[in-house]
Amino acid sequence: MTTPRPVDMSTTLGKAEIPSPVLTASGCSSFGRELEPFVDLTAIGAVVTKSVQLRPRSGRPTPRMAETPSGMLNSIGLQGPGIDGLLAEELPWLAERGVRAFVSIAGTRVEDFAELARRLAGVPGVLGLEVNISCPNVESRGEVFACDPVAAHDVVAAVREAADPAQPVYAKLSPDVTDIVSVARSVADAGADGLSMINTLLGLVIDPDTMKPVLGGVTGGLSGPAIRPVALRCVWQVHAALPDVPILGMGGIRSGLDALQFVLAGASAVSVGTAVFNDPTAVARVHTELEQALADRGFASLAEAVGYAHR
């Protein structure tokens, strides 16, 4: 089937315009290098980097990954090069190729997040910041700021104050809360330009032969199609309550029709993560399929479809 008419697929992250609503998801494509042989990285919305901290981090004990029905658990534990490695190696590589970088930042203290934002202000190629306040596979659940509206507010307020005003700041939220709308409202009040929803769900797998947890870190983050209905519910609820706050939706997106559901629920952009493990072209393919799905339904632009299911 051919596209009946062109669809305007452009969208924005905060005030930053991007040509495609499909981005990578943090942690699943490292810093983009692995996907370069398969995808034109300049054509996608942006590469969302692995979460970076102030210092290099080795991550959690192995084994770190386990397959689950319709998904997978990961217990990487924010392994990464630290901000110095990111600035010296990864961001220049992306900038040289004209790739937009949406940098995910993480920390154990409010001050860590603010310092990262300061270090990234004005760096070439950095489109914006995704504030990872919701990683479930860290040693201390006390680091999951997104479980508390007050703590989440404090982190985002500090980042927004320290960040380049031209760089949009998105807060990445956890589904492992009783009321995600209250957390969303709190970070929006703190100055977040948008919301990334959702991070993985905390999960566990036990090996029936060893009768012990499979993962070295015991628990890990559940991703993949198994979490898509939860992610859609979160996007739906937050868009219904805060219709003017942009949402970057994610959680088990494997096809254009999956992405369409997030758009109809209220997301103005989506991230594709776990799908790239078995299909490194997934980000570009989802864009093409989403464009076709929108055209088939008579939409002239992506913007027309955002939140359409609520209307």
C-alpha atoms as a PDB file:
ATOM      1  CA  MET A   1       0.000   0.000   0.000  1.00  0.00           C
ATOM      2  CA  THR A   2       1.341   3.438  -0.855  1.00  0.00           C
ATOM      3  CA  THR A   3       0.932   6.516   1.270  1.00  0.00           C
ATOM      4  CA  PRO A   4      -2.138   8.415  -0.065  1.00  0.00           C
ATOM      5  CA  ARG A   5      -0.670  11.798   0.831  1.00  0.00           C
ATOM      6  CA  PRO A   6       2.422  13.042   2.643  1.00  0.00           C
ATOM      7  CA  VAL A   7       2.204  13.246   6.414  1.00  0.00           C
ATOM      8  CA  ASP A   8       4.047  15.952   8.328  1.00  0.00           C
ATOM      9  CA  MET A   9       5.986  13.849  10.823  1.00  0.00           C
ATOM     10  CA  SER A  10       7.815  16.719  12.490  1.00  0.00           C
ATOM     11  CA  THR A  11       7.321  17.347  16.183  1.00  0.00           C
ATOM     12  CA  THR A  12       9.029  19.089  19.074  1.00  0.00           C
ATOM     13  CA  LEU A  13      10.836  18.210  22.277  1.00  0.00           C
ATOM     14  CA  GLY A  14      10.017  21.223  24.382  1.00  0.00           C
ATOM     15  CA  LYS A  15      10.756  24.059  21.941  1.00  0.00           C
ATOM     16  CA  ALA A  16      13.290  22.049  19.938  1.00  0.00           C
ATOM     17  CA  GLU A  17      11.995  20.963  16.541  1.00  0.00           C
ATOM     18  CA  ILE A  18      12.849  17.475  15.284  1.00  0.00           C
ATOM     19  CA  PRO A  19      12.032  15.874  11.905  1.00  0.00           C
ATOM     20  CA  SER A  20      10.825  12.546  13.299  1.00  0.00           C
ATOM     21  CA  PRO A  21       8.802  11.618  16.381  1.00  0.00           C
ATOM     22  CA  VAL A  22      10.769   8.384  16.827  1.00  0.00           C
ATOM     23  CA  LEU A  23      13.837   8.344  19.077  1.00  0.00           C
ATOM     24  CA  THR A  24      15.996   5.643  20.580  1.00  0.00           C
ATOM     25  CA  ALA A  25      15.387   4.757  24.234  1.00  0.00           C
ATOM     26  CA  SER A  26      18.058   5.318  26.849  1.00  0.00           C
ATOM     27  CA  GLY A  27      20.218   2.304  27.607  1.00  0.00           C
ATOM     28  CA  CYS A  28      19.233   0.191  24.609  1.00  0.00           C
ATOM     29  CA  SER A  29      21.482   1.663  21.919  1.00  0.00           C
ATOM     30  CA  SER A  30      24.359   2.879  24.085  1.00  0.00           C
ATOM     31  CA  PHE A  31      25.455   6.189  22.505  1.00  0.00           C
ATOM     32  CA  GLY A  32      24.295   5.409  18.974  1.00  0.00           C
ATOM     33  CA  ARG A  33      27.430   3.933  17.432  1.00  0.00           C
ATOM     34  CA  GLU A  34      26.002   0.415  17.300  1.00  0.00           C
ATOM     35  CA  LEU A  35      23.063   1.526  15.186  1.00  0.00           C
ATOM     36  CA  GLU A  36      25.009   3.564  12.624  1.00  0.00           C
ATOM     37  CA  PRO A  37      25.420   0.649  10.155  1.00  0.00           C
ATOM     38  CA  PHE A  38      21.655   0.094  10.138  1.00  0.00           C
ATOM     39  CA  VAL A  39      19.961   3.489  10.591  1.00  0.00           C
ATOM     40  CA  ASP A  40      20.512   7.038   9.353  1.00  0.00           C
ATOM     41  CA  LEU A  41      20.901   8.563  12.802  1.00  0.00           C
ATOM     42  CA  THR A  42      20.451  12.085  11.444  1.00  0.00           C
ATOM     43  CA  ALA A  43      16.956  11.201  10.184  1.00  0.00           C
ATOM     44  CA  ILE A  44      15.532   9.964  13.475  1.00  0.00           C
ATOM     45  CA  GLY A  45      14.276  12.314  16.175  1.00  0.00           C
ATOM     46  CA  ALA A  46      17.332  11.939  18.396  1.00  0.00           C
ATOM     47  CA  VAL A  47      19.631   9.439  20.036  1.00  0.00           C
ATOM     48  CA  VAL A  48      18.749   9.233  23.721  1.00  0.00           C
ATOM     49  CA  THR A  49      22.027   8.286  25.358  1.00  0.00           C
ATOM     50  CA  LYS A  50      22.724   5.855  28.137  1.00  0.00           C
ATOM     51  CA  SER A  51      22.292   7.548  31.484  1.00  0.00           C
ATOM     52  CA  VAL A  52      25.517   9.318  32.410  1.00  0.00           C
ATOM     53  CA  GLN A  53      26.677  10.158  35.917  1.00  0.00           C
ATOM     54  CA  LEU A  54      29.435  12.414  37.217  1.00  0.00           C
ATOM     55  CA  ARG A  55      31.875   9.534  37.576  1.00  0.00           C
ATOM     56  CA  PRO A  56      32.351   6.297  35.615  1.00  0.00           C
ATOM     57  CA  ARG A  57      30.229   3.441  36.936  1.00  0.00           C
ATOM     58  CA  SER A  58      30.861  -0.277  36.550  1.00  0.00           C
ATOM     59  CA  GLY A  59      27.269  -1.328  37.130  1.00  0.00           C
ATOM     60  CA  ARG A  60      25.774  -4.304  38.919  1.00  0.00           C
ATOM     61  CA  PRO A  61      26.997  -7.925  39.219  1.00  0.00           C
ATOM     62  CA  THR A  62      26.486 -10.410  36.399  1.00  0.00           C
ATOM     63  CA  PRO A  63      24.280 -12.013  35.106  1.00  0.00           C
ATOM     64  CA  ARG A  64      22.620  -8.774  34.086  1.00  0.00           C
ATOM     65  CA  MET A  65      19.910  -9.815  31.643  1.00  0.00           C
ATOM     66  CA  ALA A  66      17.156 -12.411  31.559  1.00  0.00           C
ATOM     67  CA  GLU A  67      14.412 -13.130  29.056  1.00  0.00           C
ATOM     68  CA  THR A  68      10.832 -13.097  30.302  1.00  0.00           C
ATOM     69  CA  PRO A  69       7.491 -13.743  28.569  1.00  0.00           C
ATOM     70  CA  SER A  70       7.048 -10.906  26.036  1.00  0.00           C
ATOM     71  CA  GLY A  71       9.965  -8.984  27.461  1.00  0.00           C
ATOM     72  CA  MET A  72      13.249  -8.978  29.315  1.00  0.00           C
ATOM     73  CA  LEU A  73      14.765  -8.001  32.630  1.00  0.00           C
ATOM     74  CA  ASN A  74      17.945  -5.961  32.773  1.00  0.00           C
ATOM     75  CA  SER A  75      20.094  -5.217  35.763  1.00  0.00           C
ATOM     76  CA  ILE A  76      22.871  -3.179  34.145  1.00  0.00           C
ATOM     77  CA  GLY A  77      22.937  -0.653  36.960  1.00  0.00           C
ATOM     78  CA  LEU A  78      23.751   2.493  34.960  1.00  0.00           C
ATOM     79  CA  GLN A  79      27.171   1.321  33.808  1.00  0.00           C
ATOM     80  CA  GLY A  80      28.814   4.137  31.896  1.00  0.00           C
ATOM     81  CA  PRO A  81      31.859   6.302  31.192  1.00  0.00           C
ATOM     82  CA  GLY A  82      30.903   9.256  33.371  1.00  0.00           C
ATOM     83  CA  ILE A  83      30.493  12.824  32.166  1.00  0.00           C
ATOM     84  CA  ASP A  84      34.165  13.241  31.226  1.00  0.00           C
ATOM     85  CA  GLY A  85      34.057  10.212  28.921  1.00  0.00           C
ATOM     86  CA  LEU A  86      30.792  11.375  27.397  1.00  0.00           C
ATOM     87  CA  LEU A  87      32.164  14.843  26.656  1.00  0.00           C
ATOM     88  CA  ALA A  88      35.487  13.550  25.341  1.00  0.00           C
ATOM     89  CA  GLU A  89      34.340  10.624  23.190  1.00  0.00           C
ATOM     90  CA  GLU A  90      30.635  10.074  22.636  1.00  0.00           C
ATOM     91  CA  LEU A  91      29.165  13.540  22.138  1.00  0.00           C
ATOM     92  CA  PRO A  92      31.876  14.669  19.670  1.00  0.00           C
ATOM     93  CA  TRP A  93      31.240  11.493  17.640  1.00  0.00           C
ATOM     94  CA  LEU A  94      27.530  12.296  17.431  1.00  0.00           C
ATOM     95  CA  ALA A  95      28.088  16.009  16.741  1.00  0.00           C
ATOM     96  CA  GLU A  96      30.527  15.307  13.895  1.00  0.00           C
ATOM     97  CA  ARG A  97      27.778  13.332  12.159  1.00  0.00           C
ATOM     98  CA  GLY A  98      25.055  15.862  12.787  1.00  0.00           C
ATOM     99  CA  VAL A  99      23.150  13.533  15.118  1.00  0.00           C
ATOM    100  CA  ARG A 100      20.885  15.107  17.714  1.00  0.00           C
ATOM    101  CA  ALA A 101      21.739  13.881  21.230  1.00  0.00           C
ATOM    102  CA  PHE A 102      19.165  13.815  24.002  1.00  0.00           C
ATOM    103  CA  VAL A 103      21.411  13.160  26.983  1.00  0.00           C
ATOM    104  CA  SER A 104      20.087  11.069  29.853  1.00  0.00           C
ATOM    105  CA  ILE A 105      21.533  12.123  33.206  1.00  0.00           C
ATOM    106  CA  ALA A 106      21.418  10.336  36.566  1.00  0.00           C
ATOM    107  CA  GLY A 107      22.775  10.847  40.042  1.00  0.00           C
ATOM    108  CA  THR A 108      22.502   9.959  43.707  1.00  0.00           C
ATOM    109  CA  ARG A 109      22.052  13.546  44.922  1.00  0.00           C
ATOM    110  CA  VAL A 110      20.219  16.607  43.659  1.00  0.00           C
ATOM    111  CA  GLU A 111      23.577  18.343  43.337  1.00  0.00           C
ATOM    112  CA  ASP A 112      24.831  15.608  40.988  1.00  0.00           C
ATOM    113  CA  PHE A 113      22.007  16.248  38.530  1.00  0.00           C
ATOM    114  CA  ALA A 114      22.577  20.007  38.639  1.00  0.00           C
ATOM    115  CA  GLU A 115      26.309  19.647  38.014  1.00  0.00           C
ATOM    116  CA  LEU A 116      25.674  17.366  35.031  1.00  0.00           C
ATOM    117  CA  ALA A 117      23.259  19.911  33.579  1.00  0.00           C
ATOM    118  CA  ARG A 118      25.879  22.654  33.967  1.00  0.00           C
ATOM    119  CA  ARG A 119      28.545  20.520  32.268  1.00  0.00           C
ATOM    120  CA  LEU A 120      26.244  19.861  29.307  1.00  0.00           C
ATOM    121  CA  ALA A 121      25.059  23.453  28.795  1.00  0.00           C
ATOM    122  CA  GLY A 122      25.996  24.706  25.343  1.00  0.00           C
ATOM    123  CA  VAL A 123      27.708  21.471  24.269  1.00  0.00           C
ATOM    124  CA  PRO A 124      27.420  21.082  20.461  1.00  0.00           C
ATOM    125  CA  GLY A 125      24.820  18.563  19.364  1.00  0.00           C
ATOM    126  CA  VAL A 126      23.093  18.282  22.730  1.00  0.00           C
ATOM    127  CA  LEU A 127      19.425  18.824  21.929  1.00  0.00           C
ATOM    128  CA  GLY A 128      18.229  18.445  25.507  1.00  0.00           C
ATOM    129  CA  LEU A 129      18.315  16.471  28.751  1.00  0.00           C
ATOM    130  CA  GLU A 130      16.323  13.469  29.927  1.00  0.00           C
ATOM    131  CA  VAL A 131      16.476  13.444  33.721  1.00  0.00           C
ATOM    132  CA  ASN A 132      16.540   9.814  34.821  1.00  0.00           C
ATOM    133  CA  ILE A 133      14.972   9.966  38.263  1.00  0.00           C
ATOM    134  CA  SER A 134      13.379   6.531  37.872  1.00  0.00           C
ATOM    135  CA  CYS A 135      15.925   3.791  37.171  1.00  0.00           C
ATOM    136  CA  PRO A 136      14.741   0.661  39.039  1.00  0.00           C
ATOM    137  CA  ASN A 137      17.945  -1.382  38.740  1.00  0.00           C
ATOM    138  CA  VAL A 138      20.199   0.523  41.108  1.00  0.00           C
ATOM    139  CA  GLU A 139      21.619  -0.809  44.331  1.00  0.00           C
ATOM    140  CA  SER A 140      19.567   1.539  46.462  1.00  0.00           C
ATOM    141  CA  ARG A 141      15.888   2.104  45.776  1.00  0.00           C
ATOM    142  CA  GLY A 142      16.455   5.343  47.645  1.00  0.00           C
ATOM    143  CA  GLU A 143      17.937   6.680  44.392  1.00  0.00           C
ATOM    144  CA  VAL A 144      14.559   6.437  42.661  1.00  0.00           C
ATOM    145  CA  PHE A 145      13.563  10.072  43.111  1.00  0.00           C
ATOM    146  CA  ALA A 146      10.500   9.571  40.902  1.00  0.00           C
ATOM    147  CA  CYS A 147       8.787   7.581  43.658  1.00  0.00           C
ATOM    148  CA  ASP A 148       8.359  10.801  45.673  1.00  0.00           C
ATOM    149  CA  PRO A 149       6.762  13.934  44.160  1.00  0.00           C
ATOM    150  CA  VAL A 150       8.793  16.227  46.435  1.00  0.00           C
ATOM    151  CA  ALA A 151      12.139  14.587  45.644  1.00  0.00           C
ATOM    152  CA  ALA A 152      11.293  14.512  41.947  1.00  0.00           C
ATOM    153  CA  HIS A 153      10.417  18.210  42.046  1.00  0.00           C
ATOM    154  CA  ASP A 154      13.709  19.093  43.754  1.00  0.00           C
ATOM    155  CA  VAL A 155      15.820  17.278  41.156  1.00  0.00           C
ATOM    156  CA  VAL A 156      14.017  18.728  38.153  1.00  0.00           C
ATOM    157  CA  ALA A 157      14.008  22.251  39.574  1.00  0.00           C
ATOM    158  CA  ALA A 158      17.769  22.066  40.115  1.00  0.00           C
ATOM    159  CA  VAL A 159      18.363  20.749  36.594  1.00  0.00           C
ATOM    160  CA  ARG A 160      16.126  23.353  34.985  1.00  0.00           C
ATOM    161  CA  GLU A 161      17.949  26.135  36.817  1.00  0.00           C
ATOM    162  CA  ALA A 162      21.398  24.824  35.870  1.00  0.00           C
ATOM    163  CA  ALA A 163      20.667  23.759  32.296  1.00  0.00           C
ATOM    164  CA  ASP A 164      21.034  25.792  29.133  1.00  0.00           C
ATOM    165  CA  PRO A 165      17.671  27.594  28.690  1.00  0.00           C
ATOM    166  CA  ALA A 166      17.621  26.430  25.059  1.00  0.00           C
ATOM    167  CA  GLN A 167      17.881  22.768  26.055  1.00  0.00           C
ATOM    168  CA  PRO A 168      14.529  21.125  26.877  1.00  0.00           C
ATOM    169  CA  VAL A 169      14.458  19.157  30.128  1.00  0.00           C
ATOM    170  CA  TYR A 170      12.319  16.014  30.246  1.00  0.00           C
ATOM    171  CA  ALA A 171      11.738  14.073  33.475  1.00  0.00           C
ATOM    172  CA  LYS A 172      11.673  10.289  33.107  1.00  0.00           C
ATOM    173  CA  LEU A 173       8.958   8.842  35.296  1.00  0.00           C
ATOM    174  CA  SER A 174       8.505   5.465  36.984  1.00  0.00           C
ATOM    175  CA  PRO A 175       5.336   3.368  36.742  1.00  0.00           C
ATOM    176  CA  ASP A 176       6.109   1.889  40.170  1.00  0.00           C
ATOM    177  CA  VAL A 177       4.053   4.525  41.988  1.00  0.00           C
ATOM    178  CA  THR A 178       0.490   4.731  43.259  1.00  0.00           C
ATOM    179  CA  ASP A 179      -0.325   8.003  41.481  1.00  0.00           C
ATOM    180  CA  ILE A 180       1.865   8.884  38.505  1.00  0.00           C
ATOM    181  CA  VAL A 181      -0.191  12.011  37.791  1.00  0.00           C
ATOM    182  CA  SER A 182       0.890  13.577  41.088  1.00  0.00           C
ATOM    183  CA  VAL A 183       4.555  13.012  40.215  1.00  0.00           C
ATOM    184  CA  ALA A 184       4.000  14.350  36.692  1.00  0.00           C
ATOM    185  CA  ARG A 185       2.328  17.479  38.036  1.00  0.00           C
ATOM    186  CA  SER A 186       5.157  17.983  40.526  1.00  0.00           C
ATOM    187  CA  VAL A 187       7.943  17.886  37.932  1.00  0.00           C
ATOM    188  CA  ALA A 188       5.937  20.048  35.531  1.00  0.00           C
ATOM    189  CA  ASP A 189       5.582  22.625  38.299  1.00  0.00           C
ATOM    190  CA  ALA A 190       9.361  22.377  38.809  1.00  0.00           C
ATOM    191  CA  GLY A 191       9.970  23.467  35.230  1.00  0.00           C
ATOM    192  CA  ALA A 192      10.125  20.240  33.228  1.00  0.00           C
ATOM    193  CA  ASP A 193       9.511  20.957  29.548  1.00  0.00           C
ATOM    194  CA  GLY A 194       8.150  17.447  29.054  1.00  0.00           C
ATOM    195  CA  LEU A 195       7.870  13.937  30.433  1.00  0.00           C
ATOM    196  CA  SER A 196       9.455  10.648  29.365  1.00  0.00           C
ATOM    197  CA  MET A 197       7.077   7.780  30.165  1.00  0.00           C
ATOM    198  CA  ILE A 198       7.719   5.156  31.257  1.00  0.00           C
ATOM    199  CA  ASN A 199      10.873   3.680  32.681  1.00  0.00           C
ATOM    200  CA  THR A 200      11.018  -0.073  33.252  1.00  0.00           C
ATOM    201  CA  LEU A 201       9.056  -1.836  35.992  1.00  0.00           C
ATOM    202  CA  LEU A 202      10.924  -3.494  38.849  1.00  0.00           C
ATOM    203  CA  GLY A 203      10.872  -7.283  38.370  1.00  0.00           C
ATOM    204  CA  LEU A 204      12.406 -10.567  39.450  1.00  0.00           C
ATOM    205  CA  VAL A 205      13.080 -13.997  37.915  1.00  0.00           C
ATOM    206  CA  ILE A 206      14.003 -17.147  39.882  1.00  0.00           C
ATOM    207  CA  ASP A 207      15.766 -20.101  38.255  1.00  0.00           C
ATOM    208  CA  PRO A 208      13.794 -23.258  39.178  1.00  0.00           C
ATOM    209  CA  ASP A 209      16.971 -25.386  38.918  1.00  0.00           C
ATOM    210  CA  THR A 210      19.249 -23.321  41.147  1.00  0.00           C
ATOM    211  CA  MET A 211      16.220 -22.040  43.087  1.00  0.00           C
ATOM    212  CA  LYS A 212      17.888 -18.626  43.258  1.00  0.00           C
ATOM    213  CA  PRO A 213      17.370 -15.299  41.488  1.00  0.00           C
ATOM    214  CA  VAL A 214      18.720 -15.343  37.936  1.00  0.00           C
ATOM    215  CA  LEU A 215      20.122 -11.812  38.002  1.00  0.00           C
ATOM    216  CA  GLY A 216      23.278 -11.028  39.927  1.00  0.00           C
ATOM    217  CA  GLY A 217      21.603  -7.930  41.302  1.00  0.00           C
ATOM    218  CA  VAL A 218      18.467  -9.954  42.197  1.00  0.00           C
ATOM    219  CA  THR A 219      15.950  -7.487  40.733  1.00  0.00           C
ATOM    220  CA  GLY A 220      15.944  -5.709  37.380  1.00  0.00           C
ATOM    221  CA  GLY A 221      13.928  -3.531  35.063  1.00  0.00           C
ATOM    222  CA  LEU A 222      11.215  -5.194  32.994  1.00  0.00           C
ATOM    223  CA  SER A 223      10.888  -3.915  29.419  1.00  0.00           C
ATOM    224  CA  GLY A 224       9.368  -5.051  26.144  1.00  0.00           C
ATOM    225  CA  PRO A 225       5.797  -5.665  24.932  1.00  0.00           C
ATOM    226  CA  ALA A 226       4.737  -6.997  28.341  1.00  0.00           C
ATOM    227  CA  ILE A 227       4.769  -3.464  29.768  1.00  0.00           C
ATOM    228  CA  ARG A 228       3.076  -1.672  26.855  1.00  0.00           C
ATOM    229  CA  PRO A 229      -0.453  -1.638  28.379  1.00  0.00           C
ATOM    230  CA  VAL A 230       0.974  -0.179  31.596  1.00  0.00           C
ATOM    231  CA  ALA A 231       2.903   2.472  29.678  1.00  0.00           C
ATOM    232  CA  LEU A 232      -0.150   3.406  27.631  1.00  0.00           C
ATOM    233  CA  ARG A 233      -2.246   3.719  30.779  1.00  0.00           C
ATOM    234  CA  CYS A 234       0.319   6.069  32.292  1.00  0.00           C
ATOM    235  CA  VAL A 235       0.511   8.227  29.172  1.00  0.00           C
ATOM    236  CA  TRP A 236      -3.291   8.324  28.970  1.00  0.00           C
ATOM    237  CA  GLN A 237      -3.716   9.370  32.597  1.00  0.00           C
ATOM    238  CA  VAL A 238      -1.056  12.067  32.505  1.00  0.00           C
ATOM    239  CA  HIS A 239      -2.210  13.542  29.192  1.00  0.00           C
ATOM    240  CA  ALA A 240      -5.785  13.641  30.480  1.00  0.00           C
ATOM    241  CA  ALA A 241      -4.656  15.554  33.573  1.00  0.00           C
ATOM    242  CA  LEU A 242      -1.936  17.706  31.949  1.00  0.00           C
ATOM    243  CA  PRO A 243      -2.841  18.029  28.257  1.00  0.00           C
ATOM    244  CA  ASP A 244      -0.368  20.852  27.617  1.00  0.00           C
ATOM    245  CA  VAL A 245       2.686  18.947  28.876  1.00  0.00           C
ATOM    246  CA  PRO A 246       4.526  17.147  26.040  1.00  0.00           C
ATOM    247  CA  ILE A 247       5.071  13.418  26.510  1.00  0.00           C
ATOM    248  CA  LEU A 248       7.805  11.190  25.071  1.00  0.00           C
ATOM    249  CA  GLY A 249       6.129   7.788  25.245  1.00  0.00           C
ATOM    250  CA  MET A 250       7.902   4.450  25.530  1.00  0.00           C
ATOM    251  CA  GLY A 251       7.342   0.911  26.687  1.00  0.00           C
ATOM    252  CA  GLY A 252       7.249  -2.129  24.410  1.00  0.00           C
ATOM    253  CA  ILE A 253       6.973  -0.315  21.079  1.00  0.00           C
ATOM    254  CA  ARG A 254       7.801  -2.720  18.249  1.00  0.00           C
ATOM    255  CA  SER A 255       5.768  -1.388  15.311  1.00  0.00           C
ATOM    256  CA  GLY A 256       4.187   1.705  13.871  1.00  0.00           C
ATOM    257  CA  LEU A 257       0.795   0.612  15.180  1.00  0.00           C
ATOM    258  CA  ASP A 258       2.272   0.321  18.666  1.00  0.00           C
ATOM    259  CA  ALA A 259       3.652   3.850  18.313  1.00  0.00           C
ATOM    260  CA  LEU A 260       0.287   5.056  17.029  1.00  0.00           C
ATOM    261  CA  GLN A 261      -1.376   3.928  20.253  1.00  0.00           C
ATOM    262  CA  PHE A 262       1.000   6.113  22.265  1.00  0.00           C
ATOM    263  CA  VAL A 263       0.359   9.090  19.999  1.00  0.00           C
ATOM    264  CA  LEU A 264      -3.411   8.655  20.251  1.00  0.00           C
ATOM    265  CA  ALA A 265      -3.052   8.405  24.042  1.00  0.00           C
ATOM    266  CA  GLY A 266      -1.213  11.734  24.157  1.00  0.00           C
ATOM    267  CA  ALA A 267       2.471  11.273  23.281  1.00  0.00           C
ATOM    268  CA  SER A 268       3.966  13.719  20.784  1.00  0.00           C
ATOM    269  CA  ALA A 269       7.048  11.512  20.320  1.00  0.00           C
ATOM    270  CA  VAL A 270       8.088   7.953  21.159  1.00  0.00           C
ATOM    271  CA  SER A 271      11.248   6.059  22.063  1.00  0.00           C
ATOM    272  CA  VAL A 272      12.044   2.567  20.791  1.00  0.00           C
ATOM    273  CA  GLY A 273      14.239   0.453  23.045  1.00  0.00           C
ATOM    274  CA  THR A 274      14.056  -3.298  23.567  1.00  0.00           C
ATOM    275  CA  ALA A 275      12.994  -3.914  19.949  1.00  0.00           C
ATOM    276  CA  VAL A 276      16.453  -2.936  18.671  1.00  0.00           C
ATOM    277  CA  PHE A 277      18.002  -6.010  20.293  1.00  0.00           C
ATOM    278  CA  ASN A 278      16.527  -8.260  17.609  1.00  0.00           C
ATOM    279  CA  ASP A 279      15.988  -5.595  14.922  1.00  0.00           C
ATOM    280  CA  PRO A 280      18.613  -2.829  14.795  1.00  0.00           C
ATOM    281  CA  THR A 281      16.553  -1.054  12.112  1.00  0.00           C
ATOM    282  CA  ALA A 282      13.542  -0.792  14.439  1.00  0.00           C
ATOM    283  CA  VAL A 283      13.730   2.963  15.029  1.00  0.00           C
ATOM    284  CA  ALA A 284      13.632   3.807  11.305  1.00  0.00           C
ATOM    285  CA  ARG A 285      11.104   1.066  10.569  1.00  0.00           C
ATOM    286  CA  VAL A 286       8.712   2.293  13.286  1.00  0.00           C
ATOM    287  CA  HIS A 287       8.882   5.804  11.788  1.00  0.00           C
ATOM    288  CA  THR A 288       7.926   4.494   8.337  1.00  0.00           C
ATOM    289  CA  GLU A 289       5.130   2.315   9.715  1.00  0.00           C
ATOM    290  CA  LEU A 290       3.780   5.131  11.884  1.00  0.00           C
ATOM    291  CA  GLU A 291       3.718   7.497   8.915  1.00  0.00           C
ATOM    292  CA  GLN A 292       1.754   4.919   6.919  1.00  0.00           C
ATOM    293  CA  ALA A 293      -0.645   4.303   9.801  1.00  0.00           C
ATOM    294  CA  LEU A 294      -1.352   8.028  10.129  1.00  0.00           C
ATOM    295  CA  ALA A 295      -1.903   8.404   6.387  1.00  0.00           C
ATOM    296  CA  ASP A 296      -4.241   5.419   6.300  1.00  0.00           C
ATOM    297  CA  ARG A 297      -6.380   7.112   8.949  1.00  0.00           C
ATOM    298  CA  GLY A 298      -6.538  10.437   7.143  1.00  0.00           C
ATOM    299  CA  PHE A 299      -4.137  12.455   9.291  1.00  0.00           C
ATOM    300  CA  ALA A 300      -2.157  15.128   7.479  1.00  0.00           C
ATOM    301  CA  SER A 301       0.264  15.516  10.362  1.00  0.00           C
ATOM    302  CA  LEU A 302       1.432  13.764  13.483  1.00  0.00           C
ATOM    303  CA  ALA A 303       0.251  16.754  15.540  1.00  0.00           C
ATOM    304  CA  GLU A 304      -3.353  16.115  14.498  1.00  0.00           C
ATOM    305  CA  ALA A 305      -3.224  12.642  16.030  1.00  0.00           C
ATOM    306  CA  VAL A 306      -1.667  13.538  19.396  1.00  0.00           C
ATOM    307  CA  GLY A 307      -4.261  12.780  22.077  1.00  0.00           C
ATOM    308  CA  TYR A 308      -6.923  11.965  19.457  1.00  0.00           C
ATOM    309  CA  ALA A 309      -8.288   9.042  21.492  1.00  0.00           C
ATOM    310  CA  HIS A 310      -9.300  11.482  24.237  1.00  0.00           C
ATOM    311  CA  ARG A 311     -11.437  13.464  21.761  1.00  0.00           C
END
